[in-house]
Amino acid sequence: MSFQAYLDNIQAKTGKTPAEFRAMAADKGFADAAGLRPGVKAGQIVQWLKDDFALGHGHAMAIVALLKGKTE
């Protein structure tokens, strides 16, 4: 599955766009315009996404990659 397919599936499941996930991560203090904030671990973000959006591990890691700046 391509990275874009992961993002499309996440949006279909949650109704949230990648930009909305970036904004929510910033609101929670996980990320900023430059990417993940220093000291933030992927596991913290994965747990948030599992708890709040019922995402699986792979889809949550796609959001982590998005927050790190991955585009493809």
C-alpha atoms as a PDB file:
ATOM      1  CA  MET A   1       0.000   0.000   0.000  1.00  0.00           C
ATOM      2  CA  SER A   2       1.356   3.409  -0.903  1.00  0.00           C
ATOM      3  CA  PHE A   3       1.784   6.220   1.596  1.00  0.00           C
ATOM      4  CA  GLN A   4      -0.998   8.170  -0.135  1.00  0.00           C
ATOM      5  CA  ALA A   5      -3.298   5.143   0.131  1.00  0.00           C
ATOM      6  CA  TYR A   6      -2.675   5.058   3.886  1.00  0.00           C
ATOM      7  CA  LEU A   7      -3.574   8.748   4.148  1.00  0.00           C
ATOM      8  CA  ASP A   8      -6.692   8.250   2.000  1.00  0.00           C
ATOM      9  CA  ASN A   9      -7.826   5.338   4.183  1.00  0.00           C
ATOM     10  CA  ILE A  10      -7.212   7.334   7.360  1.00  0.00           C
ATOM     11  CA  GLN A  11      -9.265  10.224   6.014  1.00  0.00           C
ATOM     12  CA  ALA A  12     -12.086   7.873   4.990  1.00  0.00           C
ATOM     13  CA  LYS A  13     -12.121   6.296   8.466  1.00  0.00           C
ATOM     14  CA  THR A  14     -11.762   9.442  10.562  1.00  0.00           C
ATOM     15  CA  GLY A  15     -13.050  12.235   8.348  1.00  0.00           C
ATOM     16  CA  LYS A  16      -9.834  14.147   9.133  1.00  0.00           C
ATOM     17  CA  THR A  17      -7.428  15.443   6.497  1.00  0.00           C
ATOM     18  CA  PRO A  18      -3.645  15.279   6.843  1.00  0.00           C
ATOM     19  CA  ALA A  19      -3.647  19.029   7.536  1.00  0.00           C
ATOM     20  CA  GLU A  20      -6.138  18.497  10.359  1.00  0.00           C
ATOM     21  CA  PHE A  21      -3.919  15.800  11.888  1.00  0.00           C
ATOM     22  CA  ARG A  22      -0.947  18.185  11.703  1.00  0.00           C
ATOM     23  CA  ALA A  23      -2.989  20.881  13.465  1.00  0.00           C
ATOM     24  CA  MET A  24      -4.239  18.477  16.155  1.00  0.00           C
ATOM     25  CA  ALA A  25      -0.688  17.198  16.753  1.00  0.00           C
ATOM     26  CA  ALA A  26       0.492  20.793  17.133  1.00  0.00           C
ATOM     27  CA  ASP A  27      -2.333  21.514  19.590  1.00  0.00           C
ATOM     28  CA  LYS A  28      -1.242  18.496  21.651  1.00  0.00           C
ATOM     29  CA  GLY A  29       2.379  19.669  21.600  1.00  0.00           C
ATOM     30  CA  PHE A  30       3.643  16.741  19.527  1.00  0.00           C
ATOM     31  CA  ALA A  31       4.702  18.721  16.453  1.00  0.00           C
ATOM     32  CA  ASP A  32       5.258  22.147  14.999  1.00  0.00           C
ATOM     33  CA  ALA A  33       5.891  23.543  11.509  1.00  0.00           C
ATOM     34  CA  ALA A  34       9.362  21.965  11.499  1.00  0.00           C
ATOM     35  CA  GLY A  35       8.128  18.458  12.332  1.00  0.00           C
ATOM     36  CA  LEU A  36       8.106  16.462  15.540  1.00  0.00           C
ATOM     37  CA  ARG A  37       9.066  18.456  18.587  1.00  0.00           C
ATOM     38  CA  PRO A  38      12.259  17.410  20.374  1.00  0.00           C
ATOM     39  CA  GLY A  39      11.703  14.588  22.819  1.00  0.00           C
ATOM     40  CA  VAL A  40       8.400  13.427  21.326  1.00  0.00           C
ATOM     41  CA  LYS A  41       8.392   9.689  20.715  1.00  0.00           C
ATOM     42  CA  ALA A  42       6.429   7.961  17.996  1.00  0.00           C
ATOM     43  CA  GLY A  43       4.802   5.753  20.631  1.00  0.00           C
ATOM     44  CA  GLN A  44       3.120   8.761  22.246  1.00  0.00           C
ATOM     45  CA  ILE A  45       1.531   9.761  18.952  1.00  0.00           C
ATOM     46  CA  VAL A  46       0.562   6.187  18.104  1.00  0.00           C
ATOM     47  CA  GLN A  47      -1.194   5.800  21.448  1.00  0.00           C
ATOM     48  CA  TRP A  48      -3.101   9.072  20.963  1.00  0.00           C
ATOM     49  CA  LEU A  49      -4.245   7.993  17.487  1.00  0.00           C
ATOM     50  CA  LYS A  50      -5.259   4.542  18.694  1.00  0.00           C
ATOM     51  CA  ASP A  51      -7.176   5.952  21.669  1.00  0.00           C
ATOM     52  CA  ASP A  52      -8.886   8.889  19.967  1.00  0.00           C
ATOM     53  CA  PHE A  53      -9.373   7.588  16.423  1.00  0.00           C
ATOM     54  CA  ALA A  54      -9.160   3.770  16.719  1.00  0.00           C
ATOM     55  CA  LEU A  55      -6.381   3.682  14.130  1.00  0.00           C
ATOM     56  CA  GLY A  56      -4.267   0.587  13.804  1.00  0.00           C
ATOM     57  CA  HIS A  57      -0.524   0.661  14.305  1.00  0.00           C
ATOM     58  CA  GLY A  58       0.355   0.946  10.603  1.00  0.00           C
ATOM     59  CA  HIS A  59      -2.045   3.790   9.966  1.00  0.00           C
ATOM     60  CA  ALA A  60      -0.888   5.592  13.109  1.00  0.00           C
ATOM     61  CA  MET A  61       2.719   5.255  11.949  1.00  0.00           C
ATOM     62  CA  ALA A  62       1.713   6.817   8.627  1.00  0.00           C
ATOM     63  CA  ILE A  63       0.567   9.882  10.580  1.00  0.00           C
ATOM     64  CA  VAL A  64       3.872   9.891  12.468  1.00  0.00           C
ATOM     65  CA  ALA A  65       5.676   9.830   9.105  1.00  0.00           C
ATOM     66  CA  LEU A  66       3.457  12.682   7.916  1.00  0.00           C
ATOM     67  CA  LEU A  67       4.357  14.709  10.982  1.00  0.00           C
ATOM     68  CA  LYS A  68       8.051  14.034  10.340  1.00  0.00           C
ATOM     69  CA  GLY A  69       7.654  15.522   6.880  1.00  0.00           C
ATOM     70  CA  LYS A  70       7.153  12.506   4.624  1.00  0.00           C
ATOM     71  CA  THR A  71       5.206  13.412   1.499  1.00  0.00           C
ATOM     72  CA  GLU A  72       5.392  10.219  -0.573  1.00  0.00           C
END
